[in-house]
C-alpha atoms as a PDB file:
ATOM      1  CA  MET A   1      -6.329 -25.621 -18.641  1.00  0.00           C
ATOM      2  CA  THR A   2      -5.907 -29.907 -17.366  1.00  0.00           C
ATOM      3  CA  PRO A   3      -2.706 -29.615 -15.100  1.00  0.00           C
ATOM      4  CA  GLU A   4      -0.550 -31.801 -17.880  1.00  0.00           C
ATOM      5  CA  GLU A   5      -1.381 -28.839 -20.034  1.00  0.00           C
ATOM      6  CA  ILE A   6      -0.194 -26.899 -17.840  1.00  0.00           C
ATOM      7  CA  ALA A   7       2.982 -29.066 -16.329  1.00  0.00           C
ATOM      8  CA  GLU A   8       3.938 -28.773 -20.127  1.00  0.00           C
ATOM      9  CA  MET A   9       3.439 -25.190 -20.777  1.00  0.00           C
ATOM     10  CA  GLU A  10       6.124 -24.774 -17.555  1.00  0.00           C
ATOM     11  CA  LYS A  11       8.556 -26.981 -19.259  1.00  0.00           C
ATOM     12  CA  ASN A  12       8.800 -24.585 -22.649  1.00  0.00           C
ATOM     13  CA  VAL A  13       9.691 -21.372 -19.813  1.00  0.00           C
ATOM     14  CA  PRO A  14      13.737 -21.028 -20.310  1.00  0.00           C
ATOM     15  CA  GLU A  15      15.242 -21.645 -16.813  1.00  0.00           C
ATOM     16  CA  TRP A  16      15.960 -17.839 -16.878  1.00  0.00           C
ATOM     17  CA  LYS A  17      12.949 -16.488 -17.163  1.00  0.00           C
ATOM     18  CA  ARG A  18      11.346 -19.036 -14.509  1.00  0.00           C
ATOM     19  CA  ASN A  19      13.576 -17.272 -12.033  1.00  0.00           C
ATOM     20  CA  ALA A  20      13.050 -13.197 -13.639  1.00  0.00           C
ATOM     21  CA  LEU A  21       9.678 -13.801 -13.052  1.00  0.00           C
ATOM     22  CA  VAL A  22      10.011 -15.321  -9.755  1.00  0.00           C
ATOM     23  CA  ALA A  23      12.614 -12.566  -8.700  1.00  0.00           C
ATOM     24  CA  SER A  24      10.354  -9.982  -9.917  1.00  0.00           C
ATOM     25  CA  GLU A  25       7.651 -11.262  -7.479  1.00  0.00           C
ATOM     26  CA  ALA A  26       8.580  -9.014  -4.324  1.00  0.00           C
ATOM     27  CA  GLN A  27       7.267  -5.263  -5.151  1.00  0.00           C
ATOM     28  CA  VAL A  28       9.015  -3.091  -2.813  1.00  0.00           C
ATOM     29  CA  GLN A  29       5.912   0.060  -2.427  1.00  0.00           C
ATOM     30  CA  GLU A  30       7.279   3.423  -0.815  1.00  0.00           C
ATOM     31  CA  GLU A  31       4.744   6.020   1.127  1.00  0.00           C
ATOM     32  CA  LYS A  32       4.239   8.734   0.122  1.00  0.00           C
ATOM     33  CA  LYS A  33       4.453  11.585   2.393  1.00  0.00           C
ATOM     34  CA  GLY A  34       1.327  13.965   2.565  1.00  0.00           C
ATOM     35  CA  LEU A  35       2.091  17.407   2.931  1.00  0.00           C
ATOM     36  CA  PHE A  36       1.693  17.087   6.340  1.00  0.00           C
ATOM     37  CA  GLY A  37       4.313  14.477   6.236  1.00  0.00           C
ATOM     38  CA  ARG A  38       6.854  16.440   4.379  1.00  0.00           C
ATOM     39  CA  LEU A  39       7.529  19.256   6.930  1.00  0.00           C
ATOM     40  CA  SER A  40      10.613  20.003   9.654  1.00  0.00           C
ATOM     41  CA  SER A  41       9.276  18.439  12.783  1.00  0.00           C
ATOM     42  CA  SER A  42       9.965  21.453  14.252  1.00  0.00           C
ATOM     43  CA  ILE A  43       7.060  23.629  12.865  1.00  0.00           C
ATOM     44  CA  LYS A  44       5.474  19.636  13.015  1.00  0.00           C
ATOM     45  CA  GLU A  45       5.616  19.941  16.401  1.00  0.00           C
ATOM     46  CA  LYS A  46       3.800  23.810  16.435  1.00  0.00           C
ATOM     47  CA  VAL A  47       1.420  22.975  14.026  1.00  0.00           C
ATOM     48  CA  SER A  48       0.249  19.774  16.582  1.00  0.00           C
ATOM     49  CA  SER A  49       0.457  21.798  19.833  1.00  0.00           C
ATOM     50  CA  THR A  50      -1.599  24.665  19.081  1.00  0.00           C
ATOM     51  CA  GLU A  51      -5.443  25.024  19.806  1.00  0.00           C
ATOM     52  CA  ALA A  52      -7.290  24.654  16.360  1.00  0.00           C
ATOM     53  CA  ALA A  53      -5.021  21.562  15.889  1.00  0.00           C
ATOM     54  CA  LYS A  54      -6.082  19.260  19.023  1.00  0.00           C
ATOM     55  CA  LYS A  55      -9.547  20.514  18.460  1.00  0.00           C
ATOM     56  CA  PHE A  56     -10.102  18.907  15.140  1.00  0.00           C
ATOM     57  CA  LYS A  57      -8.353  15.717  16.356  1.00  0.00           C
ATOM     58  CA  GLU A  58     -10.627  15.333  19.515  1.00  0.00           C
ATOM     59  CA  SER A  59     -13.496  15.970  16.485  1.00  0.00           C
ATOM     60  CA  GLU A  60     -15.717  13.173  15.247  1.00  0.00           C
ATOM     61  CA  GLU A  61     -14.823  15.029  11.453  1.00  0.00           C
ATOM     62  CA  TYR A  62     -11.343  13.924  12.439  1.00  0.00           C
ATOM     63  CA  GLN A  63     -12.486  10.257  13.572  1.00  0.00           C
ATOM     64  CA  LYS A  64     -13.854   9.989  10.241  1.00  0.00           C
ATOM     65  CA  LEU A  65     -11.089  11.064   8.379  1.00  0.00           C
ATOM     66  CA  ARG A  66      -9.132   8.598  10.109  1.00  0.00           C
ATOM     67  CA  GLU A  67     -11.653   5.201   9.589  1.00  0.00           C
ATOM     68  CA  ALA A  68     -12.248   6.617   5.474  1.00  0.00           C
ATOM     69  CA  ARG A  69      -8.335   6.251   5.492  1.00  0.00           C
ATOM     70  CA  GLU A  70      -8.305   3.045   6.660  1.00  0.00           C
ATOM     71  CA  ASN A  71     -10.715   1.935   4.495  1.00  0.00           C
ATOM     72  CA  TYR A  72      -8.977   3.100   2.100  1.00  0.00           C
ATOM     73  CA  GLN A  73      -5.878   1.300   3.250  1.00  0.00           C
ATOM     74  CA  GLU A  74      -7.099  -2.090   2.969  1.00  0.00           C
ATOM     75  CA  PHE A  75      -9.290  -1.715   0.184  1.00  0.00           C
ATOM     76  CA  LYS A  76      -5.781  -1.190  -1.933  1.00  0.00           C
ATOM     77  CA  SER A  77      -4.503  -3.615  -0.092  1.00  0.00           C
ATOM     78  CA  ASN A  78      -6.800  -5.943  -1.320  1.00  0.00           C
ATOM     79  CA  LEU A  79      -6.999  -5.219  -4.551  1.00  0.00           C
ATOM     80  CA  GLN A  80      -3.667  -5.287  -4.823  1.00  0.00           C
ATOM     81  CA  GLU A  81      -3.655  -8.758  -3.734  1.00  0.00           C
ATOM     82  CA  GLY A  82      -6.486 -10.349  -5.806  1.00  0.00           C
ATOM     83  CA  ILE A  83      -4.546  -8.233  -8.910  1.00  0.00           C
ATOM     84  CA  GLU A  84      -1.739 -10.809  -7.310  1.00  0.00           C
ATOM     85  CA  ASN A  85      -4.239 -13.794  -7.160  1.00  0.00           C
ATOM     86  CA  THR A  86      -4.937 -13.771 -11.850  1.00  0.00           C
END
């Protein structure tokens, strides 16, 4: 479409619809809590202070898991950004 066609199409959109589209752009996303996130803080402290938890946090598998989560979050945000731009 040419810029003239786009401008003509925008003129045909009523004012209330233009404002509604602008107002709906901002999205609020709530972070979903996992199983560990839903536990009370006292239980979290007890679980985190165990030897097994300490060994797991120092392990290579834990580092891989953190990297995978970070990559997933980055992919998710890039995908969402791409969808918004289209």
